[in-house]
Amino acid sequence: MARQLGIGRGEAQDYIALYFSRYPGVRDYMERTREQARERGYVETVFGRRLYLEYIHAGIRPSAPARSAPRSTRRCRAPRPTSSSGR
C-alpha cells in the first residue's frame, strides 16, 4: 500500500489501523473468512461460487500473481453486455 500511494510504510500502517478502528466489522469479517477457509479449504462468494485454496493447509502464502489470479479470472467470466439491436 505504501508503494502504491507513495507514502512511508509507517504512514500506510497508521492508515490501515485507522480504517479498521473505524470499521471493526471488516476486520471481524476477514478473520471469520480466514477461519472458514482453513476449516473448509475454500472460500465462497455471496453468489455461491467456490475458490479452493490448495495452499491453505500447507502453511505457505501464494505469490502476488497467484493471489490476483482469481480476481482477473472473475473479470474474464463476467457476462458480456448485449446490444439492443439483438446481435
PDB file of N, CA and C in Angstrom:
ATOM      1  N   MET A   1       0.823  -1.175   0.000  1.00  0.00           N
ATOM      2  CA  MET A   1       0.000   0.000   0.000  1.00  0.00           C
ATOM      3  C   MET A   1       0.877   1.251   0.000  1.00  0.00           C
ATOM      4  N   ALA A   2       1.917   1.228   0.798  1.00  0.00           N
ATOM      5  CA  ALA A   2       2.806   2.384   0.867  1.00  0.00           C
ATOM      6  C   ALA A   2       3.382   2.697  -0.512  1.00  0.00           C
ATOM      7  N   ARG A   3       3.800   1.668  -1.213  1.00  0.00           N
ATOM      8  CA  ARG A   3       4.372   1.854  -2.545  1.00  0.00           C
ATOM      9  C   ARG A   3       3.333   2.420  -3.507  1.00  0.00           C
ATOM     10  N   GLN A   4       2.125   1.878  -3.464  1.00  0.00           N
ATOM     11  CA  GLN A   4       1.071   2.329  -4.374  1.00  0.00           C
ATOM     12  C   GLN A   4       0.694   3.782  -4.129  1.00  0.00           C
ATOM     13  N   LEU A   5       0.695   4.201  -2.879  1.00  0.00           N
ATOM     14  CA  LEU A   5       0.304   5.569  -2.546  1.00  0.00           C
ATOM     15  C   LEU A   5       1.480   6.538  -2.498  1.00  0.00           C
ATOM     16  N   GLY A   6       2.696   5.992  -2.557  1.00  0.00           N
ATOM     17  CA  GLY A   6       3.878   6.848  -2.499  1.00  0.00           C
ATOM     18  C   GLY A   6       4.076   7.471  -1.121  1.00  0.00           C
ATOM     19  N   ILE A   7       3.750   6.703  -0.074  1.00  0.00           N
ATOM     20  CA  ILE A   7       3.918   7.181   1.300  1.00  0.00           C
ATOM     21  C   ILE A   7       4.812   6.205   2.046  1.00  0.00           C
ATOM     22  N   GLY A   8       5.239   6.591   3.232  1.00  0.00           N
ATOM     23  CA  GLY A   8       6.082   5.728   4.034  1.00  0.00           C
ATOM     24  C   GLY A   8       5.307   4.537   4.578  1.00  0.00           C
ATOM     25  N   ARG A   9       6.040   3.472   4.898  1.00  0.00           N
ATOM     26  CA  ARG A   9       5.405   2.252   5.406  1.00  0.00           C
ATOM     27  C   ARG A   9       4.667   2.503   6.723  1.00  0.00           C
ATOM     28  N   GLY A  10       5.267   3.282   7.606  1.00  0.00           N
ATOM     29  CA  GLY A  10       4.631   3.597   8.890  1.00  0.00           C
ATOM     30  C   GLY A  10       3.329   4.358   8.696  1.00  0.00           C
ATOM     31  N   GLU A  11       3.327   5.287   7.754  1.00  0.00           N
ATOM     32  CA  GLU A  11       2.114   6.052   7.470  1.00  0.00           C
ATOM     33  C   GLU A  11       1.022   5.134   6.903  1.00  0.00           C
ATOM     34  N   ALA A  12       1.410   4.201   6.056  1.00  0.00           N
ATOM     35  CA  ALA A  12       0.459   3.247   5.498  1.00  0.00           C
ATOM     36  C   ALA A  12      -0.122   2.365   6.610  1.00  0.00           C
ATOM     37  N   GLN A  13       0.729   1.923   7.533  1.00  0.00           N
ATOM     38  CA  GLN A  13       0.247   1.099   8.652  1.00  0.00           C
ATOM     39  C   GLN A  13      -0.722   1.888   9.530  1.00  0.00           C
ATOM     40  N   ASP A  14      -0.421   3.172   9.745  1.00  0.00           N
ATOM     41  CA  ASP A  14      -1.325   4.024  10.525  1.00  0.00           C
ATOM     42  C   ASP A  14      -2.675   4.160   9.827  1.00  0.00           C
ATOM     43  N   TYR A  15      -2.646   4.312   8.512  1.00  0.00           N
ATOM     44  CA  TYR A  15      -3.871   4.446   7.727  1.00  0.00           C
ATOM     45  C   TYR A  15      -4.728   3.182   7.848  1.00  0.00           C
ATOM     46  N   ILE A  16      -4.088   2.021   7.743  1.00  0.00           N
ATOM     47  CA  ILE A  16      -4.800   0.746   7.858  1.00  0.00           C
ATOM     48  C   ILE A  16      -5.383   0.586   9.258  1.00  0.00           C
ATOM     49  N   ALA A  17      -4.613   0.921  10.276  1.00  0.00           N
ATOM     50  CA  ALA A  17      -5.095   0.830  11.661  1.00  0.00           C
ATOM     51  C   ALA A  17      -6.299   1.750  11.873  1.00  0.00           C
ATOM     52  N   LEU A  18      -6.245   2.952  11.317  1.00  0.00           N
ATOM     53  CA  LEU A  18      -7.362   3.888  11.430  1.00  0.00           C
ATOM     54  C   LEU A  18      -8.602   3.326  10.739  1.00  0.00           C
ATOM     55  N   TYR A  19      -8.411   2.748   9.565  1.00  0.00           N
ATOM     56  CA  TYR A  19      -9.526   2.147   8.819  1.00  0.00           C
ATOM     57  C   TYR A  19     -10.213   1.068   9.649  1.00  0.00           C
ATOM     58  N   PHE A  20      -9.434   0.147  10.201  1.00  0.00           N
ATOM     59  CA  PHE A  20     -10.021  -0.942  10.983  1.00  0.00           C
ATOM     60  C   PHE A  20     -10.624  -0.443  12.292  1.00  0.00           C
ATOM     61  N   SER A  21     -10.114   0.637  12.844  1.00  0.00           N
ATOM     62  CA  SER A  21     -10.735   1.174  14.059  1.00  0.00           C
ATOM     63  C   SER A  21     -12.084   1.818  13.731  1.00  0.00           C
ATOM     64  N   ARG A  22     -12.202   2.387  12.554  1.00  0.00           N
ATOM     65  CA  ARG A  22     -13.478   2.981  12.135  1.00  0.00           C
ATOM     66  C   ARG A  22     -14.486   1.927  11.686  1.00  0.00           C
ATOM     67  N   TYR A  23     -13.987   0.838  11.113  1.00  0.00           N
ATOM     68  CA  TYR A  23     -14.845  -0.211  10.572  1.00  0.00           C
ATOM     69  C   TYR A  23     -14.444  -1.576  11.151  1.00  0.00           C
ATOM     70  N   PRO A  24     -14.686  -1.803  12.434  1.00  0.00           N
ATOM     71  CA  PRO A  24     -14.249  -3.060  13.067  1.00  0.00           C
ATOM     72  C   PRO A  24     -14.935  -4.291  12.481  1.00  0.00           C
ATOM     73  N   GLY A  25     -16.111  -4.136  11.919  1.00  0.00           N
ATOM     74  CA  GLY A  25     -16.803  -5.265  11.318  1.00  0.00           C
ATOM     75  C   GLY A  25     -16.048  -5.851  10.139  1.00  0.00           C
ATOM     76  N   VAL A  26     -15.280  -5.031   9.447  1.00  0.00           N
ATOM     77  CA  VAL A  26     -14.495  -5.506   8.314  1.00  0.00           C
ATOM     78  C   VAL A  26     -13.416  -6.471   8.793  1.00  0.00           C
ATOM     79  N   ARG A  27     -12.732  -6.110   9.858  1.00  0.00           N
ATOM     80  CA  ARG A  27     -11.691  -6.989  10.409  1.00  0.00           C
ATOM     81  C   ARG A  27     -12.301  -8.311  10.888  1.00  0.00           C
ATOM     82  N   ASP A  28     -13.456  -8.211  11.552  1.00  0.00           N
ATOM     83  CA  ASP A  28     -14.140  -9.426  12.023  1.00  0.00           C
ATOM     84  C   ASP A  28     -14.521 -10.318  10.849  1.00  0.00           C
ATOM     85  N   TYR A  29     -15.072  -9.722   9.789  1.00  0.00           N
ATOM     86  CA  TYR A  29     -15.459 -10.483   8.605  1.00  0.00           C
ATOM     87  C   TYR A  29     -14.241 -11.162   7.984  1.00  0.00           C
ATOM     88  N   MET A  30     -13.144 -10.439   7.870  1.00  0.00           N
ATOM     89  CA  MET A  30     -11.929 -11.007   7.278  1.00  0.00           C
ATOM     90  C   MET A  30     -11.418 -12.177   8.115  1.00  0.00           C
ATOM     91  N   GLU A  31     -11.447 -12.039   9.419  1.00  0.00           N
ATOM     92  CA  GLU A  31     -10.965 -13.114  10.290  1.00  0.00           C
ATOM     93  C   GLU A  31     -11.870 -14.340  10.212  1.00  0.00           C
ATOM     94  N   ARG A  32     -13.193 -14.119  10.195  1.00  0.00           N
ATOM     95  CA  ARG A  32     -14.128 -15.245  10.048  1.00  0.00           C
ATOM     96  C   ARG A  32     -13.908 -15.953   8.706  1.00  0.00           C
ATOM     97  N   THR A  33     -13.680 -15.175   7.662  1.00  0.00           N
ATOM     98  CA  THR A  33     -13.456 -15.758   6.335  1.00  0.00           C
ATOM     99  C   THR A  33     -12.179 -16.586   6.321  1.00  0.00           C
ATOM    100  N   ARG A  34     -11.124 -16.088   6.942  1.00  0.00           N
ATOM    101  CA  ARG A  34      -9.864 -16.846   7.019  1.00  0.00           C
ATOM    102  C   ARG A  34     -10.064 -18.159   7.776  1.00  0.00           C
ATOM    103  N   GLU A  35     -10.787 -18.093   8.884  1.00  0.00           N
ATOM    104  CA  GLU A  35     -11.028 -19.294   9.692  1.00  0.00           C
ATOM    105  C   GLU A  35     -11.840 -20.323   8.907  1.00  0.00           C
ATOM    106  N   GLN A  36     -12.877 -19.865   8.218  1.00  0.00           N
ATOM    107  CA  GLN A  36     -13.680 -20.776   7.394  1.00  0.00           C
ATOM    108  C   GLN A  36     -12.834 -21.382   6.278  1.00  0.00           C
ATOM    109  N   ALA A  37     -11.943 -20.598   5.692  1.00  0.00           N
ATOM    110  CA  ALA A  37     -11.071 -21.110   4.630  1.00  0.00           C
ATOM    111  C   ALA A  37     -10.155 -22.199   5.178  1.00  0.00           C
ATOM    112  N   ARG A  38      -9.624 -21.991   6.385  1.00  0.00           N
ATOM    113  CA  ARG A  38      -8.768 -23.018   6.986  1.00  0.00           C
ATOM    114  C   ARG A  38      -9.556 -24.290   7.273  1.00  0.00           C
ATOM    115  N   GLU A  39     -10.796 -24.146   7.734  1.00  0.00           N
ATOM    116  CA  GLU A  39     -11.620 -25.314   8.061  1.00  0.00           C
ATOM    117  C   GLU A  39     -12.077 -26.068   6.812  1.00  0.00           C
ATOM    118  N   ARG A  40     -12.517 -25.332   5.805  1.00  0.00           N
ATOM    119  CA  ARG A  40     -13.134 -25.946   4.634  1.00  0.00           C
ATOM    120  C   ARG A  40     -12.185 -26.176   3.458  1.00  0.00           C
ATOM    121  N   GLY A  41     -11.127 -25.357   3.391  1.00  0.00           N
ATOM    122  CA  GLY A  41     -10.218 -25.447   2.255  1.00  0.00           C
ATOM    123  C   GLY A  41     -10.667 -24.625   1.066  1.00  0.00           C
ATOM    124  N   TYR A  42     -11.706 -23.817   1.249  1.00  0.00           N
ATOM    125  CA  TYR A  42     -12.182 -22.939   0.182  1.00  0.00           C
ATOM    126  C   TYR A  42     -12.914 -21.746   0.794  1.00  0.00           C
ATOM    127  N   VAL A  43     -13.108 -20.724  -0.029  1.00  0.00           N
ATOM    128  CA  VAL A  43     -13.959 -19.594   0.328  1.00  0.00           C
ATOM    129  C   VAL A  43     -15.095 -19.560  -0.678  1.00  0.00           C
ATOM    130  N   GLU A  44     -16.167 -18.919  -0.285  1.00  0.00           N
ATOM    131  CA  GLU A  44     -17.345 -18.893  -1.142  1.00  0.00           C
ATOM    132  C   GLU A  44     -17.836 -17.464  -1.297  1.00  0.00           C
ATOM    133  N   THR A  45     -18.210 -17.104  -2.529  1.00  0.00           N
ATOM    134  CA  THR A  45     -18.741 -15.767  -2.775  1.00  0.00           C
ATOM    135  C   THR A  45     -20.194 -15.709  -2.333  1.00  0.00           C
ATOM    136  N   VAL A  46     -20.751 -14.504  -2.316  1.00  0.00           N
ATOM    137  CA  VAL A  46     -22.159 -14.356  -1.954  1.00  0.00           C
ATOM    138  C   VAL A  46     -23.061 -15.041  -2.976  1.00  0.00           C
ATOM    139  N   PHE A  47     -22.540 -15.303  -4.176  1.00  0.00           N
ATOM    140  CA  PHE A  47     -23.306 -15.982  -5.214  1.00  0.00           C
ATOM    141  C   PHE A  47     -23.099 -17.489  -5.214  1.00  0.00           C
ATOM    142  N   GLY A  48     -22.313 -17.999  -4.236  1.00  0.00           N
ATOM    143  CA  GLY A  48     -22.129 -19.429  -4.093  1.00  0.00           C
ATOM    144  C   GLY A  48     -20.956 -20.018  -4.865  1.00  0.00           C
ATOM    145  N   ARG A  49     -20.176 -19.193  -5.560  1.00  0.00           N
ATOM    146  CA  ARG A  49     -19.010 -19.726  -6.271  1.00  0.00           C
ATOM    147  C   ARG A  49     -17.910 -20.016  -5.262  1.00  0.00           C
ATOM    148  N   ARG A  50     -17.226 -21.124  -5.452  1.00  0.00           N
ATOM    149  CA  ARG A  50     -16.164 -21.531  -4.524  1.00  0.00           C
ATOM    150  C   ARG A  50     -14.794 -21.344  -5.148  1.00  0.00           C
ATOM    151  N   LEU A  51     -13.877 -20.876  -4.315  1.00  0.00           N
ATOM    152  CA  LEU A  51     -12.480 -20.764  -4.698  1.00  0.00           C
ATOM    153  C   LEU A  51     -11.706 -21.677  -3.753  1.00  0.00           C
ATOM    154  N   TYR A  52     -11.213 -22.787  -4.281  1.00  0.00           N
ATOM    155  CA  TYR A  52     -10.479 -23.743  -3.469  1.00  0.00           C
ATOM    156  C   TYR A  52      -9.050 -23.252  -3.267  1.00  0.00           C
ATOM    157  N   LEU A  53      -8.568 -23.364  -2.056  1.00  0.00           N
ATOM    158  CA  LEU A  53      -7.259 -22.849  -1.660  1.00  0.00           C
ATOM    159  C   LEU A  53      -6.368 -24.021  -1.263  1.00  0.00           C
ATOM    160  N   GLU A  54      -5.770 -24.649  -2.255  1.00  0.00           N
ATOM    161  CA  GLU A  54      -4.950 -25.833  -2.008  1.00  0.00           C
ATOM    162  C   GLU A  54      -3.807 -25.550  -1.035  1.00  0.00           C
ATOM    163  N   TYR A  55      -3.309 -24.334  -1.044  1.00  0.00           N
ATOM    164  CA  TYR A  55      -2.151 -23.972  -0.226  1.00  0.00           C
ATOM    165  C   TYR A  55      -2.513 -23.675   1.225  1.00  0.00           C
ATOM    166  N   ILE A  56      -3.785 -23.585   1.569  1.00  0.00           N
ATOM    167  CA  ILE A  56      -4.194 -23.113   2.894  1.00  0.00           C
ATOM    168  C   ILE A  56      -3.658 -23.989   4.019  1.00  0.00           C
ATOM    169  N   HIS A  57      -3.553 -25.290   3.801  1.00  0.00           N
ATOM    170  CA  HIS A  57      -3.076 -26.186   4.857  1.00  0.00           C
ATOM    171  C   HIS A  57      -1.579 -26.438   4.767  1.00  0.00           C
ATOM    172  N   ALA A  58      -0.942 -25.947   3.717  1.00  0.00           N
ATOM    173  CA  ALA A  58       0.495 -26.156   3.544  1.00  0.00           C
ATOM    174  C   ALA A  58       1.315 -25.139   4.333  1.00  0.00           C
ATOM    175  N   GLY A  59       0.644 -24.120   4.870  1.00  0.00           N
ATOM    176  CA  GLY A  59       1.358 -23.114   5.657  1.00  0.00           C
ATOM    177  C   GLY A  59       2.175 -22.160   4.812  1.00  0.00           C
ATOM    178  N   ILE A  60       1.853 -22.078   3.521  1.00  0.00           N
ATOM    179  CA  ILE A  60       2.555 -21.139   2.647  1.00  0.00           C
ATOM    180  C   ILE A  60       1.565 -20.111   2.136  1.00  0.00           C
ATOM    181  N   ARG A  61       2.090 -19.011   1.677  1.00  0.00           N
ATOM    182  CA  ARG A  61       1.263 -17.961   1.103  1.00  0.00           C
ATOM    183  C   ARG A  61       1.595 -17.880  -0.374  1.00  0.00           C
ATOM    184  N   PRO A  62       0.583 -17.843  -1.238  1.00  0.00           N
ATOM    185  CA  PRO A  62       0.867 -17.793  -2.673  1.00  0.00           C
ATOM    186  C   PRO A  62       1.529 -16.475  -3.063  1.00  0.00           C
ATOM    187  N   SER A  63       2.204 -16.487  -4.197  1.00  0.00           N
ATOM    188  CA  SER A  63       2.838 -15.266  -4.689  1.00  0.00           C
ATOM    189  C   SER A  63       1.772 -14.271  -5.117  1.00  0.00           C
ATOM    190  N   ALA A  64       2.166 -13.036  -5.323  1.00  0.00           N
ATOM    191  CA  ALA A  64       1.217 -11.993  -5.712  1.00  0.00           C
ATOM    192  C   ALA A  64       0.452 -12.348  -6.980  1.00  0.00           C
ATOM    193  N   PRO A  65       1.082 -12.864  -8.043  1.00  0.00           N
ATOM    194  CA  PRO A  65       0.293 -13.222  -9.232  1.00  0.00           C
ATOM    195  C   PRO A  65      -0.741 -14.298  -8.940  1.00  0.00           C
ATOM    196  N   ALA A  66      -0.430 -15.250  -8.081  1.00  0.00           N
ATOM    197  CA  ALA A  66      -1.383 -16.306  -7.745  1.00  0.00           C
ATOM    198  C   ALA A  66      -2.552 -15.741  -6.948  1.00  0.00           C
ATOM    199  N   ARG A  67      -2.285 -14.769  -6.063  1.00  0.00           N
ATOM    200  CA  ARG A  67      -3.375 -14.165  -5.295  1.00  0.00           C
ATOM    201  C   ARG A  67      -4.276 -13.332  -6.184  1.00  0.00           C
ATOM    202  N   SER A  68      -3.730 -12.703  -7.207  1.00  0.00           N
ATOM    203  CA  SER A  68      -4.544 -11.841  -8.057  1.00  0.00           C
ATOM    204  C   SER A  68      -5.248 -12.614  -9.158  1.00  0.00           C
ATOM    205  N   ALA A  69      -4.872 -13.856  -9.408  1.00  0.00           N
ATOM    206  CA  ALA A  69      -5.479 -14.626 -10.496  1.00  0.00           C
ATOM    207  C   ALA A  69      -6.986 -14.778 -10.356  1.00  0.00           C
ATOM    208  N   PRO A  70      -7.513 -15.097  -9.177  1.00  0.00           N
ATOM    209  CA  PRO A  70      -8.968 -15.246  -9.099  1.00  0.00           C
ATOM    210  C   PRO A  70      -9.719 -13.977  -9.473  1.00  0.00           C
ATOM    211  N   ARG A  71      -9.193 -12.812  -9.106  1.00  0.00           N
ATOM    212  CA  ARG A  71      -9.861 -11.565  -9.468  1.00  0.00           C
ATOM    213  C   ARG A  71      -9.884 -11.388 -10.973  1.00  0.00           C
ATOM    214  N   SER A  72      -8.742 -11.633 -11.634  1.00  0.00           N
ATOM    215  CA  SER A  72      -8.705 -11.449 -13.077  1.00  0.00           C
ATOM    216  C   SER A  72      -9.562 -12.502 -13.762  1.00  0.00           C
ATOM    217  N   THR A  73      -9.628 -13.705 -13.208  1.00  0.00           N
ATOM    218  CA  THR A  73     -10.481 -14.743 -13.769  1.00  0.00           C
ATOM    219  C   THR A  73     -11.944 -14.327 -13.649  1.00  0.00           C
ATOM    220  N   ARG A  74     -12.302 -13.769 -12.515  1.00  0.00           N
ATOM    221  CA  ARG A  74     -13.669 -13.339 -12.300  1.00  0.00           C
ATOM    222  C   ARG A  74     -14.054 -12.278 -13.320  1.00  0.00           C
ATOM    223  N   ARG A  75     -13.142 -11.357 -13.595  1.00  0.00           N
ATOM    224  CA  ARG A  75     -13.428 -10.316 -14.576  1.00  0.00           C
ATOM    225  C   ARG A  75     -13.635 -10.922 -15.955  1.00  0.00           C
ATOM    226  N   CYS A  76     -12.854 -11.925 -16.299  1.00  0.00           N
ATOM    227  CA  CYS A  76     -12.966 -12.549 -17.613  1.00  0.00           C
ATOM    228  C   CYS A  76     -14.272 -13.309 -17.771  1.00  0.00           C
ATOM    229  N   ARG A  77     -14.817 -13.807 -16.699  1.00  0.00           N
ATOM    230  CA  ARG A  77     -16.027 -14.613 -16.772  1.00  0.00           C
ATOM    231  C   ARG A  77     -17.299 -13.778 -16.665  1.00  0.00           C
ATOM    232  N   ALA A  78     -17.154 -12.486 -16.554  1.00  0.00           N
ATOM    233  CA  ALA A  78     -18.338 -11.644 -16.434  1.00  0.00           C
ATOM    234  C   ALA A  78     -19.159 -11.727 -17.712  1.00  0.00           C
ATOM    235  N   PRO A  79     -20.478 -11.722 -17.597  1.00  0.00           N
ATOM    236  CA  PRO A  79     -21.307 -11.793 -18.798  1.00  0.00           C
ATOM    237  C   PRO A  79     -21.079 -10.578 -19.673  1.00  0.00           C
ATOM    238  N   ARG A  80     -21.119 -10.798 -20.951  1.00  0.00           N
ATOM    239  CA  ARG A  80     -20.940  -9.687 -21.892  1.00  0.00           C
ATOM    240  C   ARG A  80     -22.259  -8.964 -22.056  1.00  0.00           C
ATOM    241  N   PRO A  81     -22.187  -7.649 -22.138  1.00  0.00           N
ATOM    242  CA  PRO A  81     -23.432  -6.892 -22.321  1.00  0.00           C
ATOM    243  C   PRO A  81     -24.009  -7.200 -23.707  1.00  0.00           C
ATOM    244  N   THR A  82     -25.322  -7.210 -23.775  1.00  0.00           N
ATOM    245  CA  THR A  82     -25.980  -7.453 -25.071  1.00  0.00           C
ATOM    246  C   THR A  82     -26.400  -6.112 -25.657  1.00  0.00           C
ATOM    247  N   SER A  83     -26.366  -6.034 -26.935  1.00  0.00           N
ATOM    248  CA  SER A  83     -26.767  -4.776 -27.567  1.00  0.00           C
ATOM    249  C   SER A  83     -28.270  -4.786 -27.772  1.00  0.00           C
ATOM    250  N   SER A  84     -28.839  -3.603 -27.889  1.00  0.00           N
ATOM    251  CA  SER A  84     -30.279  -3.503 -28.086  1.00  0.00           C
ATOM    252  C   SER A  84     -30.688  -3.848 -29.508  1.00  0.00           C
ATOM    253  N   SER A  85     -29.691  -3.998 -30.425  1.00  0.00           N
ATOM    254  CA  SER A  85     -30.012  -4.326 -31.806  1.00  0.00           C
ATOM    255  C   SER A  85     -30.225  -5.821 -31.984  1.00  0.00           C
ATOM    256  N   GLY A  86     -30.005  -6.628 -30.941  1.00  0.00           N
ATOM    257  CA  GLY A  86     -30.262  -8.051 -30.997  1.00  0.00           C
ATOM    258  C   GLY A  86     -29.131  -8.875 -31.576  1.00  0.00           C
ATOM    259  N   ARG A  87     -27.973  -8.309 -31.797  1.00  0.00           N
ATOM    260  CA  ARG A  87     -26.828  -9.061 -32.320  1.00  0.00           C
ATOM    261  C   ARG A  87     -26.161  -9.883 -31.278  1.00  0.00           C
TER     262      ARG A  87
END
